[in-house]
Amino acid sequence: MTTMRKQIEEATEAVKKQLGGGNVDIGLILGSGLGGLADEVEGAVRINYEDIPGFPTSTVEGHAGRLVLGELEGKNVVAMQGRFHFYEGYSAQEVTFPVRVMKALGVHTLIVTNACGGMNRNYRPGDFMLIADHLNMTGTNPLIGPNDEELGTRFPDMSQAYSPTLIDLAKRIAGEEAITIHEGVYTGISGPSFMTKAELAMLRKLGGDVVGMSTVPEVIVARHAGIEVLGISCVTDMAVADDHGGVSHEEVMETAARTKPTFIKYVRRILNNIS
């Protein structure tokens, strides 16, 4: 047994011990300011990351740092109320370790969310974007190193990293709820500094619609593990190169908080319709 698989088993056993057994169907990774959805989980079991073997500790404001398991819209879910980032000093493998544990718990579908900067001029702060594809500009990949075939194939196909079926479902629900939704390309960077004007101009020319410091590593590992993925970005600020006036983490959190009621309603409706 590889070291990675042993660590996954230890973490999974620790979670199941507190959960009381049973499988989980759907995973949720909740980004900056969006963790409020986890507070609505029914019959919730809340486990601090520090109490799970192998889990890093979340250090970013707006990330509660705990795993929440229970029922939401009739589905057995596990929610990460706060995620880990490459810029916190963790390796790409550490950042994505919780996704491995989700798979071991039985997760077959992952909804990953984030707060991001909008580069597409048709977007506005407070809008949502369904991730159709991504650009990995982090400079690394969580699959680098020896591959354990028990966890996934050596060369996973990423041509449909985000499930077309789930995207269609999310678009239909957005229409029914009159929620402003876009579909575009998420650009993942390492951070923690925000982008320069020249960097933003480059990313837009490469085809990016939004930019953020998460999501890409987790999606790569989810697909490696055979998990279907739906990605939802909350545009919290505009990062347009030619009129970029700067942004702060406080601004990101403020916009995320403002969109929280709509975000929660939207994700709950999507969960309700996932079979």
C-alpha atoms as a PDB file:
ATOM      1  CA  MET A   1       0.000   0.000   0.000  1.00  0.00           C
ATOM      2  CA  THR A   2       1.340   3.430  -0.924  1.00  0.00           C
ATOM      3  CA  THR A   3       1.880   6.130   1.682  1.00  0.00           C
ATOM      4  CA  MET A   4      -0.841   8.257   0.069  1.00  0.00           C
ATOM      5  CA  ARG A   5      -3.406   5.453   0.254  1.00  0.00           C
ATOM      6  CA  LYS A   6      -2.524   4.755   3.874  1.00  0.00           C
ATOM      7  CA  GLN A   7      -3.020   8.443   4.750  1.00  0.00           C
ATOM      8  CA  ILE A   8      -6.370   8.469   2.932  1.00  0.00           C
ATOM      9  CA  GLU A   9      -7.534   5.398   4.844  1.00  0.00           C
ATOM     10  CA  GLU A  10      -6.513   6.882   8.202  1.00  0.00           C
ATOM     11  CA  ALA A  11      -8.349  10.147   7.495  1.00  0.00           C
ATOM     12  CA  THR A  12     -11.428   8.345   6.174  1.00  0.00           C
ATOM     13  CA  GLU A  13     -11.599   6.079   9.217  1.00  0.00           C
ATOM     14  CA  ALA A  14     -11.366   9.105  11.537  1.00  0.00           C
ATOM     15  CA  VAL A  15     -14.242  10.836   9.715  1.00  0.00           C
ATOM     16  CA  LYS A  16     -16.418   7.706   9.586  1.00  0.00           C
ATOM     17  CA  LYS A  17     -15.860   7.134  13.298  1.00  0.00           C
ATOM     18  CA  GLN A  18     -17.431  10.502  14.082  1.00  0.00           C
ATOM     19  CA  LEU A  19     -20.047  10.134  11.364  1.00  0.00           C
ATOM     20  CA  GLY A  20     -21.140   6.736  12.621  1.00  0.00           C
ATOM     21  CA  GLY A  21     -20.569   4.978   9.303  1.00  0.00           C
ATOM     22  CA  GLY A  22     -22.444   5.269   6.022  1.00  0.00           C
ATOM     23  CA  ASN A  23     -21.455   6.673   2.662  1.00  0.00           C
ATOM     24  CA  VAL A  24     -21.577  10.238   1.361  1.00  0.00           C
ATOM     25  CA  ASP A  25     -22.820  11.030  -2.154  1.00  0.00           C
ATOM     26  CA  ILE A  26     -21.997  14.662  -2.903  1.00  0.00           C
ATOM     27  CA  GLY A  27     -19.027  16.812  -1.938  1.00  0.00           C
ATOM     28  CA  LEU A  28     -19.069  20.595  -1.587  1.00  0.00           C
ATOM     29  CA  ILE A  29     -15.990  22.822  -1.502  1.00  0.00           C
ATOM     30  CA  LEU A  30     -17.050  26.278  -0.335  1.00  0.00           C
ATOM     31  CA  GLY A  31     -14.878  29.279  -1.204  1.00  0.00           C
ATOM     32  CA  SER A  32     -14.195  32.604   0.498  1.00  0.00           C
ATOM     33  CA  GLY A  33     -17.346  34.027   2.085  1.00  0.00           C
ATOM     34  CA  LEU A  34     -19.499  31.191   0.726  1.00  0.00           C
ATOM     35  CA  GLY A  35     -19.240  28.785   3.656  1.00  0.00           C
ATOM     36  CA  GLY A  36     -22.676  29.729   5.005  1.00  0.00           C
ATOM     37  CA  LEU A  37     -24.264  26.924   2.994  1.00  0.00           C
ATOM     38  CA  ALA A  38     -22.635  24.391   5.335  1.00  0.00           C
ATOM     39  CA  ASP A  39     -24.572  25.918   8.241  1.00  0.00           C
ATOM     40  CA  GLU A  40     -27.794  24.670   6.623  1.00  0.00           C
ATOM     41  CA  VAL A  41     -26.746  21.004   6.589  1.00  0.00           C
ATOM     42  CA  GLU A  42     -29.255  18.974   8.618  1.00  0.00           C
ATOM     43  CA  GLY A  43     -28.143  16.510  11.290  1.00  0.00           C
ATOM     44  CA  ALA A  44     -24.684  17.947  10.861  1.00  0.00           C
ATOM     45  CA  VAL A  45     -21.510  16.378  12.168  1.00  0.00           C
ATOM     46  CA  ARG A  46     -18.811  19.052  12.270  1.00  0.00           C
ATOM     47  CA  ILE A  47     -15.170  18.035  12.409  1.00  0.00           C
ATOM     48  CA  ASN A  48     -12.331  20.536  12.694  1.00  0.00           C
ATOM     49  CA  TYR A  49      -9.614  19.961  10.130  1.00  0.00           C
ATOM     50  CA  GLU A  50      -7.030  19.692  12.883  1.00  0.00           C
ATOM     51  CA  ASP A  51      -8.849  16.597  14.175  1.00  0.00           C
ATOM     52  CA  ILE A  52      -8.536  14.715  10.869  1.00  0.00           C
ATOM     53  CA  PRO A  53      -5.206  12.918  10.236  1.00  0.00           C
ATOM     54  CA  GLY A  54      -3.375  14.338   7.223  1.00  0.00           C
ATOM     55  CA  PHE A  55      -5.531  17.453   6.869  1.00  0.00           C
ATOM     56  CA  PRO A  56      -3.753  20.817   6.743  1.00  0.00           C
ATOM     57  CA  THR A  57      -5.101  23.827   8.645  1.00  0.00           C
ATOM     58  CA  SER A  58      -6.966  26.629   6.860  1.00  0.00           C
ATOM     59  CA  THR A  59      -5.357  30.017   7.563  1.00  0.00           C
ATOM     60  CA  VAL A  60      -7.421  32.352   5.367  1.00  0.00           C
ATOM     61  CA  GLU A  61     -10.063  34.782   6.645  1.00  0.00           C
ATOM     62  CA  GLY A  62     -13.524  33.628   5.595  1.00  0.00           C
ATOM     63  CA  HIS A  63     -12.630  29.933   5.806  1.00  0.00           C
ATOM     64  CA  ALA A  64     -14.032  28.274   8.962  1.00  0.00           C
ATOM     65  CA  GLY A  65     -11.718  25.275   8.698  1.00  0.00           C
ATOM     66  CA  ARG A  66     -13.990  22.302   9.256  1.00  0.00           C
ATOM     67  CA  LEU A  67     -15.663  19.405   7.522  1.00  0.00           C
ATOM     68  CA  VAL A  68     -19.466  19.305   7.769  1.00  0.00           C
ATOM     69  CA  LEU A  69     -21.339  16.077   7.053  1.00  0.00           C
ATOM     70  CA  GLY A  70     -25.085  15.516   7.002  1.00  0.00           C
ATOM     71  CA  GLU A  71     -28.125  15.919   4.773  1.00  0.00           C
ATOM     72  CA  LEU A  72     -28.997  18.745   2.417  1.00  0.00           C
ATOM     73  CA  GLU A  73     -31.936  18.632  -0.001  1.00  0.00           C
ATOM     74  CA  GLY A  74     -32.299  14.931   0.702  1.00  0.00           C
ATOM     75  CA  LYS A  75     -28.698  14.176  -0.266  1.00  0.00           C
ATOM     76  CA  ASN A  76     -25.893  12.879   1.948  1.00  0.00           C
ATOM     77  CA  VAL A  77     -23.227  15.561   1.662  1.00  0.00           C
ATOM     78  CA  VAL A  78     -19.782  16.422   2.938  1.00  0.00           C
ATOM     79  CA  ALA A  79     -18.900  20.110   2.821  1.00  0.00           C
ATOM     80  CA  MET A  80     -15.522  21.715   3.190  1.00  0.00           C
ATOM     81  CA  GLN A  81     -16.261  24.922   5.073  1.00  0.00           C
ATOM     82  CA  GLY A  82     -13.016  26.516   3.977  1.00  0.00           C
ATOM     83  CA  ARG A  83     -10.352  25.115   1.671  1.00  0.00           C
ATOM     84  CA  PHE A  84      -6.570  25.034   1.440  1.00  0.00           C
ATOM     85  CA  HIS A  85      -4.436  26.990  -1.007  1.00  0.00           C
ATOM     86  CA  PHE A  86      -1.046  26.543  -2.613  1.00  0.00           C
ATOM     87  CA  TYR A  87      -0.079  30.052  -1.436  1.00  0.00           C
ATOM     88  CA  GLU A  88      -0.500  29.047   2.214  1.00  0.00           C
ATOM     89  CA  GLY A  89       2.655  27.001   1.835  1.00  0.00           C
ATOM     90  CA  TYR A  90       1.027  23.630   1.265  1.00  0.00           C
ATOM     91  CA  SER A  91       1.994  21.323  -1.583  1.00  0.00           C
ATOM     92  CA  ALA A  92      -0.500  20.668  -4.373  1.00  0.00           C
ATOM     93  CA  GLN A  93      -0.938  17.166  -2.930  1.00  0.00           C
ATOM     94  CA  GLU A  94      -1.791  18.558   0.519  1.00  0.00           C
ATOM     95  CA  VAL A  95      -4.222  21.096  -0.960  1.00  0.00           C
ATOM     96  CA  THR A  96      -6.140  18.311  -2.704  1.00  0.00           C
ATOM     97  CA  PHE A  97      -5.940  15.637   0.006  1.00  0.00           C
ATOM     98  CA  PRO A  98      -9.543  16.286   1.175  1.00  0.00           C
ATOM     99  CA  VAL A  99     -10.808  15.404  -2.319  1.00  0.00           C
ATOM    100  CA  ARG A 100      -9.117  12.014  -1.979  1.00  0.00           C
ATOM    101  CA  VAL A 101     -10.890  11.512   1.339  1.00  0.00           C
ATOM    102  CA  MET A 102     -14.224  12.558  -0.192  1.00  0.00           C
ATOM    103  CA  LYS A 103     -13.793   9.853  -2.834  1.00  0.00           C
ATOM    104  CA  ALA A 104     -13.036   7.279  -0.140  1.00  0.00           C
ATOM    105  CA  LEU A 105     -16.209   8.357   1.695  1.00  0.00           C
ATOM    106  CA  GLY A 106     -18.260   7.556  -1.427  1.00  0.00           C
ATOM    107  CA  VAL A 107     -18.544  10.941  -3.147  1.00  0.00           C
ATOM    108  CA  HIS A 108     -19.416  10.645  -6.848  1.00  0.00           C
ATOM    109  CA  THR A 109     -20.236  14.310  -7.539  1.00  0.00           C
ATOM    110  CA  LEU A 110     -18.335  17.415  -6.437  1.00  0.00           C
ATOM    111  CA  ILE A 111     -19.621  20.990  -6.476  1.00  0.00           C
ATOM    112  CA  VAL A 112     -16.632  23.296  -6.162  1.00  0.00           C
ATOM    113  CA  THR A 113     -17.145  27.017  -5.607  1.00  0.00           C
ATOM    114  CA  ASN A 114     -14.864  30.027  -5.391  1.00  0.00           C
ATOM    115  CA  ALA A 115     -14.694  33.796  -5.175  1.00  0.00           C
ATOM    116  CA  CYS A 116     -12.903  35.218  -8.198  1.00  0.00           C
ATOM    117  CA  GLY A 117     -12.013  38.348 -10.141  1.00  0.00           C
ATOM    118  CA  GLY A 118     -13.889  39.021 -13.366  1.00  0.00           C
ATOM    119  CA  MET A 119     -11.818  39.650 -16.491  1.00  0.00           C
ATOM    120  CA  ASN A 120     -14.653  39.391 -19.001  1.00  0.00           C
ATOM    121  CA  ARG A 121     -16.126  42.895 -19.458  1.00  0.00           C
ATOM    122  CA  ASN A 122     -19.633  41.436 -19.690  1.00  0.00           C
ATOM    123  CA  TYR A 123     -19.429  40.311 -16.066  1.00  0.00           C
ATOM    124  CA  ARG A 124     -20.294  42.364 -12.980  1.00  0.00           C
ATOM    125  CA  PRO A 125     -19.511  41.917  -9.261  1.00  0.00           C
ATOM    126  CA  GLY A 126     -22.134  39.625  -7.766  1.00  0.00           C
ATOM    127  CA  ASP A 127     -22.593  37.584 -10.961  1.00  0.00           C
ATOM    128  CA  PHE A 128     -22.096  33.826 -11.032  1.00  0.00           C
ATOM    129  CA  MET A 129     -20.140  31.905 -13.655  1.00  0.00           C
ATOM    130  CA  LEU A 130     -20.412  28.205 -14.390  1.00  0.00           C
ATOM    131  CA  ILE A 131     -16.933  26.921 -15.130  1.00  0.00           C
ATOM    132  CA  ALA A 132     -16.876  25.346 -18.577  1.00  0.00           C
ATOM    133  CA  ASP A 133     -13.099  24.893 -18.579  1.00  0.00           C
ATOM    134  CA  HIS A 134      -9.978  26.163 -16.860  1.00  0.00           C
ATOM    135  CA  LEU A 135      -6.442  27.360 -17.448  1.00  0.00           C
ATOM    136  CA  ASN A 136      -3.898  25.940 -15.020  1.00  0.00           C
ATOM    137  CA  MET A 137      -1.463  28.820 -14.473  1.00  0.00           C
ATOM    138  CA  THR A 138      -0.358  27.706 -11.009  1.00  0.00           C
ATOM    139  CA  GLY A 139       2.934  26.327 -12.255  1.00  0.00           C
ATOM    140  CA  THR A 140       2.295  22.880 -10.789  1.00  0.00           C
ATOM    141  CA  ASN A 141       0.003  19.846 -10.908  1.00  0.00           C
ATOM    142  CA  PRO A 142      -1.162  17.738  -7.946  1.00  0.00           C
ATOM    143  CA  LEU A 143      -0.573  14.534  -9.930  1.00  0.00           C
ATOM    144  CA  ILE A 144       3.184  15.096 -10.269  1.00  0.00           C
ATOM    145  CA  GLY A 145       5.100  12.187  -8.741  1.00  0.00           C
ATOM    146  CA  PRO A 146       4.502   8.432  -8.553  1.00  0.00           C
ATOM    147  CA  ASN A 147       0.994   7.383  -9.597  1.00  0.00           C
ATOM    148  CA  ASP A 148      -1.100   4.906  -7.630  1.00  0.00           C
ATOM    149  CA  GLU A 149      -3.357   3.127 -10.142  1.00  0.00           C
ATOM    150  CA  GLU A 150      -5.779   2.349  -7.312  1.00  0.00           C
ATOM    151  CA  LEU A 151      -6.454   6.086  -7.058  1.00  0.00           C
ATOM    152  CA  GLY A 152      -6.581   6.904 -10.771  1.00  0.00           C
ATOM    153  CA  THR A 153      -4.907   6.524 -14.139  1.00  0.00           C
ATOM    154  CA  ARG A 154      -1.465   7.974 -14.828  1.00  0.00           C
ATOM    155  CA  PHE A 155      -2.743  10.294 -17.579  1.00  0.00           C
ATOM    156  CA  PRO A 156      -6.331  11.383 -16.828  1.00  0.00           C
ATOM    157  CA  ASP A 157      -8.333  13.008 -19.625  1.00  0.00           C
ATOM    158  CA  MET A 158      -9.199  16.627 -18.805  1.00  0.00           C
ATOM    159  CA  SER A 159     -11.035  17.477 -22.048  1.00  0.00           C
ATOM    160  CA  GLN A 160     -14.309  17.517 -20.088  1.00  0.00           C
ATOM    161  CA  ALA A 161     -13.100  18.399 -16.625  1.00  0.00           C
ATOM    162  CA  TYR A 162     -16.476  19.974 -15.829  1.00  0.00           C
ATOM    163  CA  SER A 163     -19.549  17.813 -16.430  1.00  0.00           C
ATOM    164  CA  PRO A 164     -21.643  19.034 -19.406  1.00  0.00           C
ATOM    165  CA  THR A 165     -24.693  17.350 -17.852  1.00  0.00           C
ATOM    166  CA  LEU A 166     -24.276  19.234 -14.570  1.00  0.00           C
ATOM    167  CA  ILE A 167     -23.619  22.502 -16.429  1.00  0.00           C
ATOM    168  CA  ASP A 168     -26.867  22.080 -18.382  1.00  0.00           C
ATOM    169  CA  LEU A 169     -28.724  21.383 -15.148  1.00  0.00           C
ATOM    170  CA  ALA A 170     -27.231  24.462 -13.460  1.00  0.00           C
ATOM    171  CA  LYS A 171     -28.103  26.676 -16.448  1.00  0.00           C
ATOM    172  CA  ARG A 172     -31.701  25.463 -16.437  1.00  0.00           C
ATOM    173  CA  ILE A 173     -32.095  26.160 -12.731  1.00  0.00           C
ATOM    174  CA  ALA A 174     -30.517  29.613 -13.078  1.00  0.00           C
ATOM    175  CA  GLY A 175     -33.123  30.405 -15.722  1.00  0.00           C
ATOM    176  CA  GLU A 176     -35.967  29.209 -13.512  1.00  0.00           C
ATOM    177  CA  GLU A 177     -34.683  31.296 -10.580  1.00  0.00           C
ATOM    178  CA  ALA A 178     -33.867  34.381 -12.727  1.00  0.00           C
ATOM    179  CA  ILE A 179     -30.250  34.258 -11.547  1.00  0.00           C
ATOM    180  CA  THR A 180     -27.652  36.042 -13.683  1.00  0.00           C
ATOM    181  CA  ILE A 181     -25.309  33.303 -14.827  1.00  0.00           C
ATOM    182  CA  HIS A 182     -22.393  33.143 -17.248  1.00  0.00           C
ATOM    183  CA  GLU A 183     -20.418  30.233 -18.615  1.00  0.00           C
ATOM    184  CA  GLY A 184     -16.696  30.645 -19.082  1.00  0.00           C
ATOM    185  CA  VAL A 185     -13.077  29.809 -18.383  1.00  0.00           C
ATOM    186  CA  TYR A 186     -11.599  29.960 -14.871  1.00  0.00           C
ATOM    187  CA  THR A 187      -7.909  30.870 -14.696  1.00  0.00           C
ATOM    188  CA  GLY A 188      -6.160  29.355 -11.691  1.00  0.00           C
ATOM    189  CA  ILE A 189      -3.067  31.140 -10.353  1.00  0.00           C
ATOM    190  CA  SER A 190      -0.924  30.414  -7.314  1.00  0.00           C
ATOM    191  CA  GLY A 191      -1.317  33.784  -5.532  1.00  0.00           C
ATOM    192  CA  PRO A 192      -1.264  35.238  -2.964  1.00  0.00           C
ATOM    193  CA  SER A 193      -0.590  38.554  -4.697  1.00  0.00           C
ATOM    194  CA  PHE A 194      -3.294  39.901  -6.979  1.00  0.00           C
ATOM    195  CA  MET A 195      -2.394  40.239 -10.659  1.00  0.00           C
ATOM    196  CA  THR A 196      -0.533  43.097 -12.323  1.00  0.00           C
ATOM    197  CA  LYS A 197      -2.128  44.881 -15.277  1.00  0.00           C
ATOM    198  CA  ALA A 198       0.227  43.128 -17.688  1.00  0.00           C
ATOM    199  CA  GLU A 199      -0.592  39.724 -16.203  1.00  0.00           C
ATOM    200  CA  LEU A 200      -4.334  40.382 -16.459  1.00  0.00           C
ATOM    201  CA  ALA A 201      -3.948  41.439 -20.089  1.00  0.00           C
ATOM    202  CA  MET A 202      -2.053  38.210 -20.788  1.00  0.00           C
ATOM    203  CA  LEU A 203      -4.652  35.994 -19.092  1.00  0.00           C
ATOM    204  CA  ARG A 204      -7.497  37.627 -21.004  1.00  0.00           C
ATOM    205  CA  LYS A 205      -5.663  37.063 -24.291  1.00  0.00           C
ATOM    206  CA  LEU A 206      -5.202  33.413 -23.328  1.00  0.00           C
ATOM    207  CA  GLY A 207      -8.980  33.063 -22.991  1.00  0.00           C
ATOM    208  CA  GLY A 208      -9.615  33.501 -19.274  1.00  0.00           C
ATOM    209  CA  ASP A 209     -12.928  34.994 -18.167  1.00  0.00           C
ATOM    210  CA  VAL A 210     -12.211  35.029 -14.428  1.00  0.00           C
ATOM    211  CA  VAL A 211      -9.129  34.585 -12.266  1.00  0.00           C
ATOM    212  CA  GLY A 212      -8.693  33.024  -8.841  1.00  0.00           C
ATOM    213  CA  MET A 213      -6.293  31.227  -6.506  1.00  0.00           C
ATOM    214  CA  SER A 214      -8.005  27.856  -6.026  1.00  0.00           C
ATOM    215  CA  THR A 215     -10.219  25.223  -7.664  1.00  0.00           C
ATOM    216  CA  VAL A 216      -7.923  23.958 -10.446  1.00  0.00           C
ATOM    217  CA  PRO A 217      -5.862  21.531  -8.295  1.00  0.00           C
ATOM    218  CA  GLU A 218      -9.005  20.126  -6.638  1.00  0.00           C
ATOM    219  CA  VAL A 219     -10.725  19.590  -9.981  1.00  0.00           C
ATOM    220  CA  ILE A 220      -7.688  17.799 -11.433  1.00  0.00           C
ATOM    221  CA  VAL A 221      -7.657  15.366  -8.505  1.00  0.00           C
ATOM    222  CA  ALA A 222     -11.437  14.910  -8.605  1.00  0.00           C
ATOM    223  CA  ARG A 223     -11.295  13.926 -12.253  1.00  0.00           C
ATOM    224  CA  HIS A 224      -8.284  11.684 -11.581  1.00  0.00           C
ATOM    225  CA  ALA A 225     -10.489   9.927  -9.004  1.00  0.00           C
ATOM    226  CA  GLY A 226     -13.458   9.640 -11.392  1.00  0.00           C
ATOM    227  CA  ILE A 227     -15.637  12.242  -9.629  1.00  0.00           C
ATOM    228  CA  GLU A 228     -18.051  14.339 -11.723  1.00  0.00           C
ATOM    229  CA  VAL A 229     -17.495  18.083 -11.192  1.00  0.00           C
ATOM    230  CA  LEU A 230     -19.623  21.221 -11.303  1.00  0.00           C
ATOM    231  CA  GLY A 231     -17.737  24.481 -10.798  1.00  0.00           C
ATOM    232  CA  ILE A 232     -19.431  27.743  -9.760  1.00  0.00           C
ATOM    233  CA  SER A 233     -17.523  31.023  -9.474  1.00  0.00           C
ATOM    234  CA  CYS A 234     -18.803  34.109  -7.684  1.00  0.00           C
ATOM    235  CA  VAL A 235     -17.432  37.244  -9.332  1.00  0.00           C
ATOM    236  CA  THR A 236     -16.511  39.448  -6.384  1.00  0.00           C
ATOM    237  CA  ASP A 237     -14.544  42.167  -8.187  1.00  0.00           C
ATOM    238  CA  MET A 238     -13.560  43.267 -11.676  1.00  0.00           C
ATOM    239  CA  ALA A 239      -9.964  42.591 -12.644  1.00  0.00           C
ATOM    240  CA  VAL A 240      -9.886  44.259 -16.052  1.00  0.00           C
ATOM    241  CA  ALA A 241      -6.371  45.187 -17.081  1.00  0.00           C
ATOM    242  CA  ASP A 242      -6.906  48.605 -18.686  1.00  0.00           C
ATOM    243  CA  ASP A 243      -8.917  50.103 -15.823  1.00  0.00           C
ATOM    244  CA  HIS A 244      -7.737  47.958 -12.919  1.00  0.00           C
ATOM    245  CA  GLY A 245      -7.917  50.086  -9.799  1.00  0.00           C
ATOM    246  CA  GLY A 246      -6.808  47.451  -7.321  1.00  0.00           C
ATOM    247  CA  VAL A 247      -8.690  45.042  -5.097  1.00  0.00           C
ATOM    248  CA  SER A 248      -8.557  43.884  -1.491  1.00  0.00           C
ATOM    249  CA  HIS A 249      -9.542  40.687   0.306  1.00  0.00           C
ATOM    250  CA  GLU A 250     -12.076  42.740   2.270  1.00  0.00           C
ATOM    251  CA  GLU A 251     -13.805  43.684  -0.994  1.00  0.00           C
ATOM    252  CA  VAL A 252     -13.909  40.034  -2.000  1.00  0.00           C
ATOM    253  CA  MET A 253     -15.494  39.038   1.311  1.00  0.00           C
ATOM    254  CA  GLU A 254     -18.033  41.880   1.178  1.00  0.00           C
ATOM    255  CA  THR A 255     -19.327  40.922  -2.261  1.00  0.00           C
ATOM    256  CA  ALA A 256     -19.401  37.212  -1.377  1.00  0.00           C
ATOM    257  CA  ALA A 257     -21.485  38.029   1.713  1.00  0.00           C
ATOM    258  CA  ARG A 258     -23.911  40.081  -0.376  1.00  0.00           C
ATOM    259  CA  THR A 259     -24.475  37.229  -2.808  1.00  0.00           C
ATOM    260  CA  LYS A 260     -24.780  34.558  -0.095  1.00  0.00           C
ATOM    261  CA  PRO A 261     -28.617  34.260  -0.037  1.00  0.00           C
ATOM    262  CA  THR A 262     -28.787  33.815  -3.819  1.00  0.00           C
ATOM    263  CA  PHE A 263     -25.808  31.446  -3.806  1.00  0.00           C
ATOM    264  CA  ILE A 264     -27.350  29.241  -1.110  1.00  0.00           C
ATOM    265  CA  LYS A 265     -30.724  29.098  -2.877  1.00  0.00           C
ATOM    266  CA  TYR A 266     -29.031  28.293  -6.181  1.00  0.00           C
ATOM    267  CA  VAL A 267     -26.826  25.460  -4.907  1.00  0.00           C
ATOM    268  CA  ARG A 268     -29.689  23.970  -2.901  1.00  0.00           C
ATOM    269  CA  ARG A 269     -31.834  23.820  -6.035  1.00  0.00           C
ATOM    270  CA  ILE A 270     -28.998  22.161  -7.947  1.00  0.00           C
ATOM    271  CA  LEU A 271     -28.519  19.603  -5.165  1.00  0.00           C
ATOM    272  CA  ASN A 272     -32.237  18.879  -5.161  1.00  0.00           C
ATOM    273  CA  ASN A 273     -32.087  18.011  -8.862  1.00  0.00           C
ATOM    274  CA  ILE A 274     -28.945  15.849  -8.844  1.00  0.00           C
ATOM    275  CA  SER A 275     -29.864  12.166  -9.046  1.00  0.00           C
END
